[in-house]
Amino acid sequence: SVCAEQQSNPITYPFASFDGGVTFTEPKVGERVIDF
């Protein structure tokens, strides 16, 4: 973490794009799931 203070409201899935047309799920690279 780059933050000095405790953070809240992490990303959860699924979520919608700004325009609402696309739904995003957990991003993977091959066998690895990346946690934003």
PDB file of all heavy atoms in Angstrom:
ATOM      1  N   SER A   1       0.831  -1.207   0.000  1.00  0.00           N
ATOM      2  CA  SER A   1       0.000   0.000   0.000  1.00  0.00           C
ATOM      3  C   SER A   1       0.866   1.257   0.000  1.00  0.00           C
ATOM      4  O   SER A   1       1.884   1.340   0.690  1.00  0.00           O
ATOM      5  CB  SER A   1      -0.911   0.016   1.226  1.00  0.00           C
ATOM      6  OG  SER A   1      -1.586   1.259   1.330  1.00  0.00           O
ATOM      7  N   VAL A   2       0.450   2.233  -0.798  1.00  0.00           N
ATOM      8  CA  VAL A   2       1.151   3.516  -0.853  1.00  0.00           C
ATOM      9  C   VAL A   2       0.517   4.527   0.100  1.00  0.00           C
ATOM     10  O   VAL A   2       0.910   5.698   0.103  1.00  0.00           O
ATOM     11  CB  VAL A   2       1.130   4.071  -2.293  1.00  0.00           C
ATOM     12  CG1 VAL A   2       1.890   3.151  -3.226  1.00  0.00           C
ATOM     13  CG2 VAL A   2      -0.298   4.294  -2.791  1.00  0.00           C
ATOM     14  N   CYS A   3      -0.422   4.081   0.903  1.00  0.00           N
ATOM     15  CA  CYS A   3      -1.203   4.986   1.755  1.00  0.00           C
ATOM     16  C   CYS A   3      -0.771   4.915   3.216  1.00  0.00           C
ATOM     17  O   CYS A   3      -0.546   3.834   3.760  1.00  0.00           O
ATOM     18  CB  CYS A   3      -2.689   4.664   1.645  1.00  0.00           C
ATOM     19  SG  CYS A   3      -3.322   4.724  -0.043  1.00  0.00           S
ATOM     20  N   ALA A   4      -0.697   6.077   3.847  1.00  0.00           N
ATOM     21  CA  ALA A   4      -0.329   6.148   5.263  1.00  0.00           C
ATOM     22  C   ALA A   4      -1.522   5.868   6.165  1.00  0.00           C
ATOM     23  O   ALA A   4      -1.368   5.330   7.264  1.00  0.00           O
ATOM     24  CB  ALA A   4       0.253   7.523   5.577  1.00  0.00           C
ATOM     25  N   GLU A   5      -2.729   6.255   5.701  1.00  0.00           N
ATOM     26  CA  GLU A   5      -3.928   6.062   6.513  1.00  0.00           C
ATOM     27  C   GLU A   5      -4.705   4.847   6.036  1.00  0.00           C
ATOM     28  O   GLU A   5      -4.634   4.456   4.880  1.00  0.00           O
ATOM     29  CB  GLU A   5      -4.828   7.302   6.422  1.00  0.00           C
ATOM     30  CG  GLU A   5      -4.180   8.565   7.001  1.00  0.00           C
ATOM     31  CD  GLU A   5      -5.120   9.755   6.926  1.00  0.00           C
ATOM     32  OE1 GLU A   5      -5.258  10.329   5.837  1.00  0.00           O
ATOM     33  OE2 GLU A   5      -5.721  10.081   7.961  1.00  0.00           O
ATOM     34  N   GLN A   6      -5.466   4.257   6.962  1.00  0.00           N
ATOM     35  CA  GLN A   6      -6.258   3.083   6.630  1.00  0.00           C
ATOM     36  C   GLN A   6      -7.294   3.435   5.563  1.00  0.00           C
ATOM     37  O   GLN A   6      -7.960   4.462   5.643  1.00  0.00           O
ATOM     38  CB  GLN A   6      -6.948   2.529   7.871  1.00  0.00           C
ATOM     39  CG  GLN A   6      -7.681   1.221   7.618  1.00  0.00           C
ATOM     40  CD  GLN A   6      -8.178   0.593   8.908  1.00  0.00           C
ATOM     41  OE1 GLN A   6      -7.830   1.036   9.992  1.00  0.00           O
ATOM     42  NE2 GLN A   6      -8.996  -0.434   8.794  1.00  0.00           N
ATOM     43  N   GLN A   7      -7.422   2.553   4.575  1.00  0.00           N
ATOM     44  CA  GLN A   7      -8.327   2.794   3.457  1.00  0.00           C
ATOM     45  C   GLN A   7      -9.586   1.936   3.562  1.00  0.00           C
ATOM     46  O   GLN A   7      -9.604   0.907   4.246  1.00  0.00           O
ATOM     47  CB  GLN A   7      -7.605   2.484   2.138  1.00  0.00           C
ATOM     48  CG  GLN A   7      -6.363   3.328   1.893  1.00  0.00           C
ATOM     49  CD  GLN A   7      -6.705   4.771   1.614  1.00  0.00           C
ATOM     50  OE1 GLN A   7      -7.256   5.104   0.575  1.00  0.00           O
ATOM     51  NE2 GLN A   7      -6.370   5.655   2.562  1.00  0.00           N
ATOM     52  N   SER A   8     -10.629   2.362   2.879  1.00  0.00           N
ATOM     53  CA  SER A   8     -11.893   1.629   2.880  1.00  0.00           C
ATOM     54  C   SER A   8     -12.450   1.574   1.461  1.00  0.00           C
ATOM     55  O   SER A   8     -11.897   2.166   0.533  1.00  0.00           O
ATOM     56  CB  SER A   8     -12.901   2.296   3.816  1.00  0.00           C
ATOM     57  OG  SER A   8     -13.147   3.637   3.412  1.00  0.00           O
ATOM     58  N   ASN A   9     -13.552   0.852   1.301  1.00  0.00           N
ATOM     59  CA  ASN A   9     -14.260   0.732   0.025  1.00  0.00           C
ATOM     60  C   ASN A   9     -13.391   0.172  -1.093  1.00  0.00           C
ATOM     61  O   ASN A   9     -13.186   0.806  -2.135  1.00  0.00           O
ATOM     62  CB  ASN A   9     -14.836   2.092  -0.400  1.00  0.00           C
ATOM     63  CG  ASN A   9     -15.802   2.657   0.606  1.00  0.00           C
ATOM     64  OD1 ASN A   9     -16.638   1.938   1.135  1.00  0.00           O
ATOM     65  ND2 ASN A   9     -15.675   3.942   0.894  1.00  0.00           N
ATOM     66  N   PRO A  10     -12.885  -1.053  -0.921  1.00  0.00           N
ATOM     67  CA  PRO A  10     -12.096  -1.666  -1.999  1.00  0.00           C
ATOM     68  C   PRO A  10     -12.979  -2.063  -3.177  1.00  0.00           C
ATOM     69  O   PRO A  10     -14.214  -2.122  -3.068  1.00  0.00           O
ATOM     70  CB  PRO A  10     -11.497  -2.900  -1.316  1.00  0.00           C
ATOM     71  CG  PRO A  10     -12.501  -3.254  -0.261  1.00  0.00           C
ATOM     72  CD  PRO A  10     -13.038  -1.945   0.238  1.00  0.00           C
ATOM     73  N   ILE A  11     -12.338  -2.362  -4.301  1.00  0.00           N
ATOM     74  CA  ILE A  11     -13.043  -2.858  -5.482  1.00  0.00           C
ATOM     75  C   ILE A  11     -13.641  -4.229  -5.180  1.00  0.00           C
ATOM     76  O   ILE A  11     -12.989  -5.098  -4.591  1.00  0.00           O
ATOM     77  CB  ILE A  11     -12.072  -2.987  -6.671  1.00  0.00           C
ATOM     78  CG1 ILE A  11     -11.583  -1.619  -7.126  1.00  0.00           C
ATOM     79  CG2 ILE A  11     -12.719  -3.729  -7.830  1.00  0.00           C
ATOM     80  CD1 ILE A  11     -12.580  -0.831  -7.902  1.00  0.00           C
ATOM     81  N   THR A  12     -14.877  -4.453  -5.583  1.00  0.00           N
ATOM     82  CA  THR A  12     -15.504  -5.772  -5.571  1.00  0.00           C
ATOM     83  C   THR A  12     -16.086  -6.032  -6.951  1.00  0.00           C
ATOM     84  O   THR A  12     -16.277  -5.105  -7.738  1.00  0.00           O
ATOM     85  CB  THR A  12     -16.611  -5.856  -4.506  1.00  0.00           C
ATOM     86  OG1 THR A  12     -17.583  -4.824  -4.754  1.00  0.00           O
ATOM     87  CG2 THR A  12     -16.045  -5.694  -3.098  1.00  0.00           C
ATOM     88  N   TYR A  13     -16.366  -7.295  -7.236  1.00  0.00           N
ATOM     89  CA  TYR A  13     -16.841  -7.682  -8.568  1.00  0.00           C
ATOM     90  C   TYR A  13     -18.192  -8.372  -8.476  1.00  0.00           C
ATOM     91  O   TYR A  13     -18.505  -8.995  -7.457  1.00  0.00           O
ATOM     92  CB  TYR A  13     -15.813  -8.616  -9.223  1.00  0.00           C
ATOM     93  CG  TYR A  13     -14.491  -7.954  -9.489  1.00  0.00           C
ATOM     94  CD1 TYR A  13     -13.474  -8.001  -8.537  1.00  0.00           C
ATOM     95  CD2 TYR A  13     -14.265  -7.249 -10.669  1.00  0.00           C
ATOM     96  CE1 TYR A  13     -12.256  -7.371  -8.772  1.00  0.00           C
ATOM     97  CE2 TYR A  13     -13.046  -6.620 -10.916  1.00  0.00           C
ATOM     98  CZ  TYR A  13     -12.052  -6.692  -9.955  1.00  0.00           C
ATOM     99  OH  TYR A  13     -10.843  -6.059 -10.190  1.00  0.00           O
ATOM    100  N   PRO A  14     -18.965  -8.269  -9.576  1.00  0.00           N
ATOM    101  CA  PRO A  14     -18.722  -7.502 -10.807  1.00  0.00           C
ATOM    102  C   PRO A  14     -19.036  -6.024 -10.598  1.00  0.00           C
ATOM    103  O   PRO A  14     -19.707  -5.651  -9.631  1.00  0.00           O
ATOM    104  CB  PRO A  14     -19.697  -8.128 -11.799  1.00  0.00           C
ATOM    105  CG  PRO A  14     -20.843  -8.562 -10.951  1.00  0.00           C
ATOM    106  CD  PRO A  14     -20.234  -9.018  -9.645  1.00  0.00           C
ATOM    107  N   PHE A  15     -18.548  -5.198 -11.518  1.00  0.00           N
ATOM    108  CA  PHE A  15     -18.948  -3.790 -11.528  1.00  0.00           C
ATOM    109  C   PHE A  15     -19.134  -3.349 -12.974  1.00  0.00           C
ATOM    110  O   PHE A  15     -18.618  -3.977 -13.898  1.00  0.00           O
ATOM    111  CB  PHE A  15     -17.934  -2.900 -10.794  1.00  0.00           C
ATOM    112  CG  PHE A  15     -16.593  -2.768 -11.461  1.00  0.00           C
ATOM    113  CD1 PHE A  15     -16.375  -1.845 -12.476  1.00  0.00           C
ATOM    114  CD2 PHE A  15     -15.518  -3.561 -11.055  1.00  0.00           C
ATOM    115  CE1 PHE A  15     -15.129  -1.714 -13.078  1.00  0.00           C
ATOM    116  CE2 PHE A  15     -14.270  -3.447 -11.661  1.00  0.00           C
ATOM    117  CZ  PHE A  15     -14.080  -2.517 -12.679  1.00  0.00           C
ATOM    118  N   ALA A  16     -19.872  -2.269 -13.156  1.00  0.00           N
ATOM    119  CA  ALA A  16     -20.203  -1.787 -14.499  1.00  0.00           C
ATOM    120  C   ALA A  16     -19.292  -0.648 -14.901  1.00  0.00           C
ATOM    121  O   ALA A  16     -18.801   0.118 -14.060  1.00  0.00           O
ATOM    122  CB  ALA A  16     -21.662  -1.343 -14.563  1.00  0.00           C
ATOM    123  N   SER A  17     -19.081  -0.503 -16.203  1.00  0.00           N
ATOM    124  CA  SER A  17     -18.310   0.614 -16.741  1.00  0.00           C
ATOM    125  C   SER A  17     -19.032   1.931 -16.494  1.00  0.00           C
ATOM    126  O   SER A  17     -20.221   1.956 -16.153  1.00  0.00           O
ATOM    127  CB  SER A  17     -18.094   0.421 -18.243  1.00  0.00           C
ATOM    128  OG  SER A  17     -19.339   0.354 -18.921  1.00  0.00           O
ATOM    129  N   PHE A  18     -18.327   3.033 -16.694  1.00  0.00           N
ATOM    130  CA  PHE A  18     -18.899   4.366 -16.504  1.00  0.00           C
ATOM    131  C   PHE A  18     -20.170   4.545 -17.328  1.00  0.00           C
ATOM    132  O   PHE A  18     -21.155   5.115 -16.857  1.00  0.00           O
ATOM    133  CB  PHE A  18     -17.859   5.426 -16.894  1.00  0.00           C
ATOM    134  CG  PHE A  18     -18.350   6.848 -16.831  1.00  0.00           C
ATOM    135  CD1 PHE A  18     -18.331   7.556 -15.639  1.00  0.00           C
ATOM    136  CD2 PHE A  18     -18.831   7.478 -17.976  1.00  0.00           C
ATOM    137  CE1 PHE A  18     -18.778   8.870 -15.577  1.00  0.00           C
ATOM    138  CE2 PHE A  18     -19.279   8.787 -17.939  1.00  0.00           C
ATOM    139  CZ  PHE A  18     -19.254   9.481 -16.735  1.00  0.00           C
ATOM    140  N   ASP A  19     -20.187   4.027 -18.553  1.00  0.00           N
ATOM    141  CA  ASP A  19     -21.366   4.195 -19.409  1.00  0.00           C
ATOM    142  C   ASP A  19     -22.411   3.116 -19.183  1.00  0.00           C
ATOM    143  O   ASP A  19     -23.489   3.159 -19.778  1.00  0.00           O
ATOM    144  CB  ASP A  19     -20.967   4.250 -20.881  1.00  0.00           C
ATOM    145  CG  ASP A  19     -20.333   2.960 -21.391  1.00  0.00           C
ATOM    146  OD1 ASP A  19     -20.399   1.928 -20.703  1.00  0.00           O
ATOM    147  OD2 ASP A  19     -19.761   2.979 -22.493  1.00  0.00           O
ATOM    148  N   GLY A  20     -22.091   2.131 -18.340  1.00  0.00           N
ATOM    149  CA  GLY A  20     -23.062   1.103 -17.994  1.00  0.00           C
ATOM    150  C   GLY A  20     -23.183  -0.034 -18.981  1.00  0.00           C
ATOM    151  O   GLY A  20     -23.933  -0.982 -18.737  1.00  0.00           O
ATOM    152  N   GLY A  21     -22.450   0.007 -20.093  1.00  0.00           N
ATOM    153  CA  GLY A  21     -22.623  -0.996 -21.130  1.00  0.00           C
ATOM    154  C   GLY A  21     -21.788  -2.244 -20.965  1.00  0.00           C
ATOM    155  O   GLY A  21     -22.050  -3.259 -21.614  1.00  0.00           O
ATOM    156  N   VAL A  22     -20.766  -2.210 -20.120  1.00  0.00           N
ATOM    157  CA  VAL A  22     -19.837  -3.328 -19.975  1.00  0.00           C
ATOM    158  C   VAL A  22     -19.748  -3.722 -18.504  1.00  0.00           C
ATOM    159  O   VAL A  22     -19.705  -2.858 -17.621  1.00  0.00           O
ATOM    160  CB  VAL A  22     -18.432  -2.960 -20.500  1.00  0.00           C
ATOM    161  CG1 VAL A  22     -17.453  -4.111 -20.308  1.00  0.00           C
ATOM    162  CG2 VAL A  22     -18.500  -2.571 -21.973  1.00  0.00           C
ATOM    163  N   THR A  23     -19.730  -5.025 -18.251  1.00  0.00           N
ATOM    164  CA  THR A  23     -19.574  -5.547 -16.892  1.00  0.00           C
ATOM    165  C   THR A  23     -18.201  -6.191 -16.771  1.00  0.00           C
ATOM    166  O   THR A  23     -17.818  -7.025 -17.608  1.00  0.00           O
ATOM    167  CB  THR A  23     -20.661  -6.582 -16.574  1.00  0.00           C
ATOM    168  OG1 THR A  23     -21.938  -5.948 -16.657  1.00  0.00           O
ATOM    169  CG2 THR A  23     -20.479  -7.150 -15.176  1.00  0.00           C
ATOM    170  N   PHE A  24     -17.463  -5.821 -15.728  1.00  0.00           N
ATOM    171  CA  PHE A  24     -16.111  -6.317 -15.516  1.00  0.00           C
ATOM    172  C   PHE A  24     -16.083  -7.337 -14.388  1.00  0.00           C
ATOM    173  O   PHE A  24     -16.726  -7.149 -13.342  1.00  0.00           O
ATOM    174  CB  PHE A  24     -15.157  -5.164 -15.198  1.00  0.00           C
ATOM    175  CG  PHE A  24     -14.959  -4.226 -16.346  1.00  0.00           C
ATOM    176  CD1 PHE A  24     -15.724  -3.072 -16.460  1.00  0.00           C
ATOM    177  CD2 PHE A  24     -14.036  -4.511 -17.341  1.00  0.00           C
ATOM    178  CE1 PHE A  24     -15.559  -2.223 -17.532  1.00  0.00           C
ATOM    179  CE2 PHE A  24     -13.867  -3.664 -18.417  1.00  0.00           C
ATOM    180  CZ  PHE A  24     -14.631  -2.510 -18.522  1.00  0.00           C
ATOM    181  N   THR A  25     -15.324  -8.407 -14.618  1.00  0.00           N
ATOM    182  CA  THR A  25     -15.079  -9.413 -13.591  1.00  0.00           C
ATOM    183  C   THR A  25     -13.601  -9.397 -13.228  1.00  0.00           C
ATOM    184  O   THR A  25     -12.811  -8.679 -13.835  1.00  0.00           O
ATOM    185  CB  THR A  25     -15.490 -10.803 -14.092  1.00  0.00           C
ATOM    186  OG1 THR A  25     -14.816 -11.074 -15.332  1.00  0.00           O
ATOM    187  CG2 THR A  25     -16.997 -10.857 -14.322  1.00  0.00           C
ATOM    188  N   GLU A  26     -13.217 -10.202 -12.237  1.00  0.00           N
ATOM    189  CA  GLU A  26     -11.827 -10.201 -11.769  1.00  0.00           C
ATOM    190  C   GLU A  26     -10.845 -10.380 -12.922  1.00  0.00           C
ATOM    191  O   GLU A  26     -10.972 -11.320 -13.712  1.00  0.00           O
ATOM    192  CB  GLU A  26     -11.604 -11.341 -10.777  1.00  0.00           C
ATOM    193  CG  GLU A  26     -12.004 -11.027  -9.361  1.00  0.00           C
ATOM    194  CD  GLU A  26     -11.537 -12.125  -8.410  1.00  0.00           C
ATOM    195  OE1 GLU A  26     -11.706 -13.307  -8.751  1.00  0.00           O
ATOM    196  OE2 GLU A  26     -11.003 -11.799  -7.336  1.00  0.00           O
ATOM    197  N   PRO A  27      -9.848  -9.500 -13.036  1.00  0.00           N
ATOM    198  CA  PRO A  27      -8.893  -9.620 -14.137  1.00  0.00           C
ATOM    199  C   PRO A  27      -7.873 -10.728 -13.889  1.00  0.00           C
ATOM    200  O   PRO A  27      -7.336 -10.860 -12.791  1.00  0.00           O
ATOM    201  CB  PRO A  27      -8.216  -8.245 -14.161  1.00  0.00           C
ATOM    202  CG  PRO A  27      -8.337  -7.739 -12.763  1.00  0.00           C
ATOM    203  CD  PRO A  27      -9.616  -8.304 -12.212  1.00  0.00           C
ATOM    204  N   LYS A  28      -7.624 -11.509 -14.944  1.00  0.00           N
ATOM    205  CA  LYS A  28      -6.656 -12.604 -14.852  1.00  0.00           C
ATOM    206  C   LYS A  28      -5.580 -12.401 -15.909  1.00  0.00           C
ATOM    207  O   LYS A  28      -5.837 -11.861 -16.976  1.00  0.00           O
ATOM    208  CB  LYS A  28      -7.338 -13.953 -15.084  1.00  0.00           C
ATOM    209  CG  LYS A  28      -8.511 -14.257 -14.161  1.00  0.00           C
ATOM    210  CD  LYS A  28      -9.099 -15.620 -14.499  1.00  0.00           C
ATOM    211  CE  LYS A  28     -10.366 -15.894 -13.714  1.00  0.00           C
ATOM    212  NZ  LYS A  28     -11.485 -15.012 -14.125  1.00  0.00           N
ATOM    213  N   VAL A  29      -4.386 -12.858 -15.602  1.00  0.00           N
ATOM    214  CA  VAL A  29      -3.332 -12.995 -16.600  1.00  0.00           C
ATOM    215  C   VAL A  29      -2.882 -14.449 -16.550  1.00  0.00           C
ATOM    216  O   VAL A  29      -2.152 -14.858 -15.657  1.00  0.00           O
ATOM    217  CB  VAL A  29      -2.154 -12.014 -16.362  1.00  0.00           C
ATOM    218  CG1 VAL A  29      -2.566 -10.601 -16.725  1.00  0.00           C
ATOM    219  CG2 VAL A  29      -1.656 -12.055 -14.933  1.00  0.00           C
ATOM    220  N   GLY A  30      -3.357 -15.231 -17.507  1.00  0.00           N
ATOM    221  CA  GLY A  30      -3.079 -16.652 -17.464  1.00  0.00           C
ATOM    222  C   GLY A  30      -3.687 -17.273 -16.217  1.00  0.00           C
ATOM    223  O   GLY A  30      -4.888 -17.166 -15.965  1.00  0.00           O
ATOM    224  N   GLU A  31      -2.852 -17.888 -15.400  1.00  0.00           N
ATOM    225  CA  GLU A  31      -3.325 -18.560 -14.189  1.00  0.00           C
ATOM    226  C   GLU A  31      -3.410 -17.620 -12.978  1.00  0.00           C
ATOM    227  O   GLU A  31      -3.890 -18.016 -11.928  1.00  0.00           O
ATOM    228  CB  GLU A  31      -2.379 -19.720 -13.857  1.00  0.00           C
ATOM    229  CG  GLU A  31      -2.345 -20.798 -14.939  1.00  0.00           C
ATOM    230  CD  GLU A  31      -1.231 -21.807 -14.714  1.00  0.00           C
ATOM    231  OE1 GLU A  31      -0.515 -21.683 -13.680  1.00  0.00           O
ATOM    232  OE2 GLU A  31      -1.068 -22.699 -15.559  1.00  0.00           O
ATOM    233  N   ARG A  32      -2.945 -16.403 -13.133  1.00  0.00           N
ATOM    234  CA  ARG A  32      -2.865 -15.472 -12.005  1.00  0.00           C
ATOM    235  C   ARG A  32      -4.048 -14.498 -12.015  1.00  0.00           C
ATOM    236  O   ARG A  32      -4.349 -13.886 -13.028  1.00  0.00           O
ATOM    237  CB  ARG A  32      -1.552 -14.697 -12.076  1.00  0.00           C
ATOM    238  CG  ARG A  32      -1.416 -13.546 -11.085  1.00  0.00           C
ATOM    239  CD  ARG A  32      -0.099 -12.825 -11.321  1.00  0.00           C
ATOM    240  NE  ARG A  32      -0.092 -11.475 -10.783  1.00  0.00           N
ATOM    241  CZ  ARG A  32       0.707 -10.497 -11.181  1.00  0.00           C
ATOM    242  NH1 ARG A  32       1.582 -10.727 -12.153  1.00  0.00           N
ATOM    243  NH2 ARG A  32       0.653  -9.299 -10.643  1.00  0.00           N
ATOM    244  N   VAL A  33      -4.696 -14.388 -10.872  1.00  0.00           N
ATOM    245  CA  VAL A  33      -5.716 -13.363 -10.679  1.00  0.00           C
ATOM    246  C   VAL A  33      -5.031 -12.146 -10.081  1.00  0.00           C
ATOM    247  O   VAL A  33      -4.298 -12.257  -9.097  1.00  0.00           O
ATOM    248  CB  VAL A  33      -6.837 -13.856  -9.747  1.00  0.00           C
ATOM    249  CG1 VAL A  33      -7.831 -12.721  -9.472  1.00  0.00           C
ATOM    250  CG2 VAL A  33      -7.549 -15.055 -10.353  1.00  0.00           C
ATOM    251  N   ILE A  34      -5.247 -10.974 -10.683  1.00  0.00           N
ATOM    252  CA  ILE A  34      -4.633  -9.749 -10.181  1.00  0.00           C
ATOM    253  C   ILE A  34      -5.638  -9.007  -9.311  1.00  0.00           C
ATOM    254  O   ILE A  34      -6.768  -8.742  -9.731  1.00  0.00           O
ATOM    255  CB  ILE A  34      -4.156  -8.837 -11.328  1.00  0.00           C
ATOM    256  CG1 ILE A  34      -3.081  -9.550 -12.144  1.00  0.00           C
ATOM    257  CG2 ILE A  34      -3.613  -7.525 -10.784  1.00  0.00           C
ATOM    258  CD1 ILE A  34      -2.478  -8.719 -13.249  1.00  0.00           C
ATOM    259  N   ASP A  35      -5.227  -8.682  -8.113  1.00  0.00           N
ATOM    260  CA  ASP A  35      -6.075  -7.951  -7.170  1.00  0.00           C
ATOM    261  C   ASP A  35      -5.693  -6.476  -7.220  1.00  0.00           C
ATOM    262  O   ASP A  35      -4.647  -6.083  -6.701  1.00  0.00           O
ATOM    263  CB  ASP A  35      -5.886  -8.517  -5.759  1.00  0.00           C
ATOM    264  CG  ASP A  35      -6.811  -7.874  -4.731  1.00  0.00           C
ATOM    265  OD1 ASP A  35      -7.489  -6.867  -5.066  1.00  0.00           O
ATOM    266  OD2 ASP A  35      -6.863  -8.372  -3.593  1.00  0.00           O
ATOM    267  N   PHE A  36      -6.521  -5.672  -7.862  1.00  0.00           N
ATOM    268  CA  PHE A  36      -6.237  -4.247  -7.964  1.00  0.00           C
ATOM    269  C   PHE A  36      -6.058  -3.615  -6.586  1.00  0.00           C
ATOM    270  O   PHE A  36      -5.219  -2.722  -6.410  1.00  0.00           O
ATOM    271  CB  PHE A  36      -7.371  -3.544  -8.712  1.00  0.00           C
ATOM    272  CG  PHE A  36      -7.205  -2.048  -8.810  1.00  0.00           C
ATOM    273  CD1 PHE A  36      -6.435  -1.493  -9.819  1.00  0.00           C
ATOM    274  CD2 PHE A  36      -7.791  -1.196  -7.883  1.00  0.00           C
ATOM    275  CE1 PHE A  36      -6.265  -0.112  -9.906  1.00  0.00           C
ATOM    276  CE2 PHE A  36      -7.626   0.175  -7.958  1.00  0.00           C
ATOM    277  CZ  PHE A  36      -6.857   0.719  -8.970  1.00  0.00           C
TER     278      PHE A  36
END
